Amino acid sequence: MCDTPNMRKHSSEVVDGIEAAPARAMLRAVGFTDEDFNKPQIGIASTWAMVTPCNMHINKLADEAEKGANAAGGKAVVFNTITISDGIANGTVGMKYSLVSREIIADSIEAVAGCEGFDGLVAIGGCDKNMPACIMGMARLNRPSIFVYGGTIKPGAGHTDIISVFEAVGQHAKGELNAIQVKQIEEVAIPGPGSCGGMYTANTMASAIEALGMSLPNSSAQNAVSDEKLSDCYRAGQQVLELLKQDIKPSDIMTKKAFENSIRVVIALGGSTNAVLHFLAMAHTVGVDLT
């Protein structure tokens, strides 16, 4: 790839020139070569964590995004941020941290990308708060960026999901199920990686973000462990380089018209009302008035 200044506007400030020798020395330790210093740097924001099935596979998806960015002529750098789980914290004092975590995640993405001088970003999220948080971090930085949804979970045995477990608790309270029956549902409802399987907040925001224009077309519907989801991540890594070439930034994509389109999609799909909280925050971050 041709080393054009506009594609390395941020990384060049960090790694170019004799004064940047200490920075280059540290980056060589994490795998940079001489050639890599002349490439646009792409931050891959991973929300991987083992605190929830929504995000337990995202390290593998981040690896695919890294491969895609590298294949397209960039130098990808994977970094991590946090996530929490509303599904686990529901009904406990832990929920007071839920919405706050959105701001912490956005802050962390902005801080890492701003400090390291990444020229573009791919962020991969898979739970209620980290998805809008990724968009907010991208909007603050306003560098060419693509969001990838980590994907929905497969159904449990008997077409169960997390709601089946909540309902089983209610049925137990009514005397319709005993403790053994509740445990039987609990054991099979969540079969592996992926976000809660319904039009709850995660799938709602995945659809909303795609309609907003910040995800690749047709990338919000694939399940978490599918080959298609791996492909989504690889293509996102490739396409962020195309955004860099054309200097297309989040502020160019997330216009008021784009938000109105996204809101229509959420209404048409019967999405979660939590979308209201996130639409307002994302729009405010990018300077769009939705009120």
Protein backbone atom coordinates (compact mmCIF):
# COMPACT_ATOMS: atom_id res chain seq x y z
CA MET A 1 0.00 0.00 0.00
CA CYS A 2 1.21 3.48 -0.81
CA ASP A 3 2.30 5.36 2.29
CA THR A 4 0.06 8.42 1.94
CA PRO A 5 0.12 11.02 4.74
CA ASN A 6 -3.67 11.26 5.01
CA MET A 7 -3.91 7.54 5.82
CA ARG A 8 -1.31 7.84 8.59
CA LYS A 9 -2.31 11.18 10.04
CA HIS A 10 -2.26 9.91 13.61
CA SER A 11 0.22 7.03 13.64
CA SER A 12 2.87 9.13 11.89
CA GLU A 13 2.94 11.43 14.92
CA VAL A 14 3.78 8.46 17.13
CA VAL A 15 6.27 6.43 15.08
CA ASP A 16 7.93 8.71 12.48
CA GLY A 17 11.30 10.39 12.91
CA ILE A 18 14.39 9.87 15.04
CA GLU A 19 12.62 11.20 18.12
CA ALA A 20 10.13 8.31 17.90
CA ALA A 21 12.84 5.64 18.27
CA PRO A 22 11.74 4.76 21.85
CA ALA A 23 8.15 4.27 20.69
CA ARG A 24 9.28 2.11 17.78
CA ALA A 25 11.48 0.06 20.11
CA MET A 26 8.49 -0.76 22.29
CA LEU A 27 6.32 -1.60 19.29
CA ARG A 28 8.99 -3.93 17.89
CA ALA A 29 8.58 -5.96 21.08
CA VAL A 30 4.91 -6.58 20.23
CA GLY A 31 5.67 -7.64 16.67
CA PHE A 32 6.12 -4.52 14.53
CA THR A 33 8.60 -4.67 11.65
CA ASP A 34 10.24 -1.86 9.67
CA GLU A 35 7.54 -2.24 7.03
CA ASP A 36 4.74 -1.98 9.61
CA PHE A 37 5.82 1.51 10.65
CA ASN A 38 4.90 2.74 7.17
CA LYS A 39 1.37 1.31 7.29
CA PRO A 40 -1.82 2.86 8.66
CA GLN A 41 -2.42 1.53 12.16
CA ILE A 42 -5.83 0.03 12.84
CA GLY A 43 -6.97 -0.44 16.42
CA ILE A 44 -9.11 -3.54 16.97
CA ALA A 45 -11.20 -2.90 20.09
CA SER A 46 -12.18 -6.24 21.59
CA THR A 47 -14.78 -6.51 24.33
CA TRP A 48 -13.72 -10.09 25.11
CA ALA A 49 -14.35 -11.30 28.64
CA MET A 50 -15.37 -14.48 30.39
CA VAL A 51 -17.91 -12.69 32.58
CA THR A 52 -20.73 -13.36 30.11
CA PRO A 53 -21.46 -15.66 27.13
CA CYS A 54 -22.20 -12.54 25.07
CA ASN A 55 -18.48 -11.75 24.87
CA MET A 56 -16.65 -15.01 25.57
CA HIS A 57 -15.78 -15.58 21.88
CA ILE A 58 -14.90 -12.05 20.81
CA ASN A 59 -11.15 -12.63 21.09
CA LYS A 60 -11.47 -15.01 18.12
CA LEU A 61 -13.50 -12.45 16.19
CA ALA A 62 -10.89 -9.78 16.93
CA ASP A 63 -8.24 -12.08 15.47
CA GLU A 64 -10.23 -12.23 12.22
CA ALA A 65 -10.58 -8.46 12.07
CA GLU A 66 -6.83 -8.20 12.63
CA LYS A 67 -6.18 -10.56 9.72
CA GLY A 68 -8.49 -8.58 7.45
CA ALA A 69 -6.86 -5.24 8.25
CA ASN A 70 -3.38 -6.66 7.76
CA ALA A 71 -4.36 -8.27 4.46
CA ALA A 72 -5.66 -4.92 3.20
CA GLY A 73 -2.35 -3.20 3.89
CA GLY A 74 -2.77 -1.91 7.41
CA LYS A 75 -1.09 -2.84 10.66
CA ALA A 76 -3.73 -4.00 13.13
CA VAL A 77 -3.28 -3.76 16.89
CA VAL A 78 -5.74 -5.59 19.13
CA PHE A 79 -6.61 -4.10 22.50
CA ASN A 80 -9.24 -4.90 25.08
CA THR A 81 -11.91 -3.07 27.01
CA ILE A 82 -14.34 -4.20 29.69
CA THR A 83 -17.90 -5.48 29.69
CA ILE A 84 -20.51 -6.27 32.30
CA SER A 85 -23.65 -8.40 32.03
CA ASP A 86 -27.14 -7.08 32.68
CA GLY A 87 -28.42 -10.64 32.47
CA ILE A 88 -26.27 -11.66 35.42
CA ALA A 89 -26.63 -8.47 37.46
CA ASN A 90 -30.42 -8.12 37.06
CA GLY A 91 -32.18 -7.75 40.39
CA THR A 92 -28.99 -7.05 42.34
CA VAL A 93 -27.09 -3.97 43.46
CA GLY A 94 -24.74 -4.69 40.55
CA MET A 95 -27.20 -3.08 38.15
CA LYS A 96 -26.16 0.35 39.40
CA TYR A 97 -22.94 -0.20 37.43
CA SER A 98 -24.68 -1.17 34.20
CA LEU A 99 -25.30 2.13 32.42
CA VAL A 100 -22.14 3.62 33.91
CA SER A 101 -20.15 0.88 32.18
CA ARG A 102 -21.20 2.30 28.80
CA GLU A 103 -19.33 5.52 29.55
CA ILE A 104 -16.30 3.66 30.92
CA ILE A 105 -16.06 1.53 27.78
CA ALA A 106 -16.40 4.57 25.50
CA ASP A 107 -13.75 6.36 27.58
CA SER A 108 -11.36 3.42 27.35
CA ILE A 109 -11.66 3.06 23.58
CA GLU A 110 -11.12 6.78 23.11
CA ALA A 111 -8.16 6.76 25.51
CA VAL A 112 -6.33 3.82 23.92
CA ALA A 113 -6.87 4.91 20.31
CA GLY A 114 -6.02 8.52 21.10
CA CYS A 115 -2.88 7.62 23.02
CA GLU A 116 -1.56 5.05 20.56
CA GLY A 117 -2.29 7.10 17.45
CA PHE A 118 -4.49 4.62 15.61
CA ASP A 119 -5.58 5.86 12.20
CA GLY A 120 -8.74 3.75 12.09
CA LEU A 121 -10.79 1.47 14.31
CA VAL A 122 -12.74 -1.76 14.26
CA ALA A 123 -14.74 -2.41 17.43
CA ILE A 124 -16.46 -5.70 18.22
CA GLY A 125 -19.20 -5.72 20.85
CA GLY A 126 -21.70 -8.26 22.04
CA CYS A 127 -23.72 -7.07 25.02
CA ASP A 128 -26.17 -4.33 25.91
CA LYS A 129 -23.89 -1.50 27.01
CA ASN A 130 -20.65 -2.18 25.18
CA MET A 131 -22.28 -1.89 21.75
CA PRO A 132 -23.44 1.75 21.99
CA ALA A 133 -20.25 2.41 23.96
CA CYS A 134 -18.17 1.35 20.96
CA ILE A 135 -20.10 3.77 18.75
CA MET A 136 -19.64 6.58 21.26
CA GLY A 137 -15.90 5.99 21.45
CA MET A 138 -15.66 6.00 17.66
CA ALA A 139 -17.72 9.18 17.45
CA ARG A 140 -15.49 11.02 19.91
CA LEU A 141 -12.36 10.08 17.98
CA ASN A 142 -13.99 10.65 14.58
CA ARG A 143 -11.53 8.43 12.73
CA PRO A 144 -12.56 5.92 10.04
CA SER A 145 -14.31 3.16 11.97
CA ILE A 146 -16.50 0.06 11.64
CA PHE A 147 -18.49 -1.73 14.34
CA VAL A 148 -19.05 -5.49 14.26
CA TYR A 149 -21.71 -7.23 16.31
CA GLY A 150 -20.42 -10.35 18.07
CA GLY A 151 -23.58 -12.22 17.11
CA THR A 152 -26.63 -13.76 18.70
CA ILE A 153 -26.58 -17.01 20.67
CA LYS A 154 -28.00 -20.27 19.36
CA PRO A 155 -31.20 -21.47 21.05
CA GLY A 156 -31.02 -23.84 23.97
CA ALA A 157 -32.67 -27.25 24.10
CA GLY A 158 -36.38 -27.05 23.41
CA HIS A 159 -35.97 -23.54 21.95
CA THR A 160 -35.17 -22.10 25.36
CA ASP A 161 -33.20 -18.94 26.07
CA ILE A 162 -32.42 -16.66 29.01
CA ILE A 163 -36.06 -15.52 29.16
CA SER A 164 -37.08 -19.15 29.64
CA VAL A 165 -35.02 -19.16 32.82
CA PHE A 166 -36.56 -15.93 34.11
CA GLU A 167 -40.00 -17.34 33.35
CA ALA A 168 -39.14 -20.58 35.14
CA VAL A 169 -38.28 -18.57 38.26
CA GLY A 170 -41.70 -16.93 38.05
CA GLN A 171 -43.41 -20.27 37.53
CA HIS A 172 -41.61 -21.61 40.59
CA ALA A 173 -42.89 -18.64 42.61
CA LYS A 174 -46.42 -19.53 41.48
CA GLY A 175 -45.93 -23.17 42.40
CA GLU A 176 -46.08 -24.37 38.79
CA LEU A 177 -42.47 -25.68 38.71
CA ASN A 178 -40.33 -27.23 41.41
CA ALA A 179 -36.65 -26.44 42.01
CA ILE A 180 -35.47 -29.48 40.03
CA GLN A 181 -37.49 -28.40 36.99
CA VAL A 182 -36.09 -24.87 37.19
CA LYS A 183 -32.56 -26.29 37.33
CA GLN A 184 -33.25 -28.45 34.26
CA ILE A 185 -34.16 -25.35 32.26
CA GLU A 186 -31.22 -23.40 33.71
CA GLU A 187 -28.79 -26.09 32.56
CA VAL A 188 -29.78 -26.08 28.86
CA ALA A 189 -31.01 -22.56 28.06
CA ILE A 190 -27.60 -20.98 27.35
CA PRO A 191 -25.65 -23.39 25.11
CA GLY A 192 -22.56 -21.28 24.36
CA PRO A 193 -21.30 -17.93 23.04
CA GLY A 194 -23.51 -15.12 21.86
CA SER A 195 -25.90 -12.42 22.97
CA CYS A 196 -29.38 -13.14 24.34
CA GLY A 197 -31.47 -14.65 21.56
CA GLY A 198 -34.37 -12.29 20.97
CA MET A 199 -35.07 -8.67 20.13
CA TYR A 200 -33.67 -7.62 23.46
CA THR A 201 -31.14 -4.80 23.77
CA ALA A 202 -28.16 -6.47 22.06
CA ASN A 203 -29.95 -7.63 18.92
CA THR A 204 -31.89 -4.37 18.83
CA MET A 205 -28.72 -2.30 18.92
CA ALA A 206 -27.01 -4.56 16.37
CA SER A 207 -29.84 -3.86 13.93
CA ALA A 208 -29.87 -0.17 14.85
CA ILE A 209 -26.12 0.26 14.34
CA GLU A 210 -26.24 -1.47 10.96
CA ALA A 211 -29.15 0.75 9.89
CA LEU A 212 -27.18 3.74 11.16
CA GLY A 213 -24.41 2.84 8.72
CA MET A 214 -21.66 1.99 11.22
CA SER A 215 -21.67 -1.76 10.47
CA LEU A 216 -21.28 -3.54 7.16
CA PRO A 217 -24.57 -4.44 5.42
CA ASN A 218 -26.12 -7.75 6.51
CA SER A 219 -23.72 -8.20 9.42
CA SER A 220 -26.16 -7.94 12.34
CA ALA A 221 -28.08 -11.21 11.85
CA GLN A 222 -25.37 -13.91 11.90
CA ASN A 223 -25.08 -16.09 14.98
CA ALA A 224 -22.02 -15.80 17.17
CA VAL A 225 -20.33 -19.07 16.26
CA SER A 226 -21.01 -19.08 12.51
CA ASP A 227 -18.50 -18.90 9.68
CA GLU A 228 -20.47 -15.88 8.47
CA LYS A 229 -19.65 -14.02 11.68
CA LEU A 230 -15.94 -14.71 11.22
CA SER A 231 -16.30 -13.36 7.68
CA ASP A 232 -18.04 -10.22 8.99
CA CYS A 233 -15.00 -9.47 11.13
CA TYR A 234 -12.46 -10.17 8.40
CA ARG A 235 -14.33 -7.93 5.96
CA ALA A 236 -14.61 -5.16 8.54
CA GLY A 237 -10.84 -5.23 8.94
CA GLN A 238 -10.45 -4.91 5.20
CA GLN A 239 -13.07 -2.24 4.69
CA VAL A 240 -11.80 0.14 7.35
CA LEU A 241 -8.79 0.64 5.06
CA GLU A 242 -11.21 1.66 2.31
CA LEU A 243 -12.75 4.21 4.67
CA LEU A 244 -9.27 5.53 5.35
CA LYS A 245 -8.56 5.89 1.63
CA GLN A 246 -11.75 7.89 1.19
CA ASP A 247 -11.41 9.71 4.53
CA ILE A 248 -14.94 8.70 5.58
CA LYS A 249 -15.39 9.34 9.28
CA PRO A 250 -18.20 8.56 11.77
CA SER A 251 -19.43 12.16 11.58
CA ASP A 252 -19.94 11.68 7.83
CA ILE A 253 -22.07 8.58 8.43
CA MET A 254 -23.99 9.29 11.62
CA THR A 255 -26.13 12.16 10.38
CA LYS A 256 -29.58 13.07 11.67
CA LYS A 257 -31.09 11.36 8.63
CA ALA A 258 -29.14 8.19 9.45
CA PHE A 259 -30.41 8.24 13.04
CA GLU A 260 -33.99 8.69 11.84
CA ASN A 261 -33.54 5.70 9.53
CA SER A 262 -32.17 3.63 12.40
CA ILE A 263 -35.05 4.60 14.68
CA ARG A 264 -37.54 3.49 12.02
CA VAL A 265 -35.82 0.11 11.80
CA VAL A 266 -36.00 -0.40 15.57
CA ILE A 267 -39.71 0.48 15.58
CA ALA A 268 -40.40 -1.84 12.63
CA LEU A 269 -38.60 -4.72 14.35
CA GLY A 270 -40.29 -4.18 17.70
CA GLY A 271 -36.93 -3.60 19.34
CA SER A 272 -36.06 -2.90 22.95
CA THR A 273 -37.09 0.44 24.45
CA ASN A 274 -33.55 0.64 25.84
CA ALA A 275 -32.64 1.85 22.35
CA VAL A 276 -33.98 5.28 23.38
CA LEU A 277 -31.23 5.64 26.01
CA HIS A 278 -28.55 4.66 23.55
CA PHE A 279 -29.80 6.64 20.55
CA LEU A 280 -29.77 9.83 22.62
CA ALA A 281 -26.25 9.16 23.93
CA MET A 282 -24.80 8.20 20.55
CA ALA A 283 -26.41 11.16 18.81
CA HIS A 284 -25.22 13.59 21.48
CA THR A 285 -21.67 12.28 21.14
CA VAL A 286 -21.60 12.89 17.39
CA GLY A 287 -23.34 16.26 17.70
CA VAL A 288 -26.77 15.31 16.35
CA ASP A 289 -29.86 16.71 18.09
CA LEU A 290 -32.62 14.08 18.37
CA THR A 291 -34.79 15.98 20.84
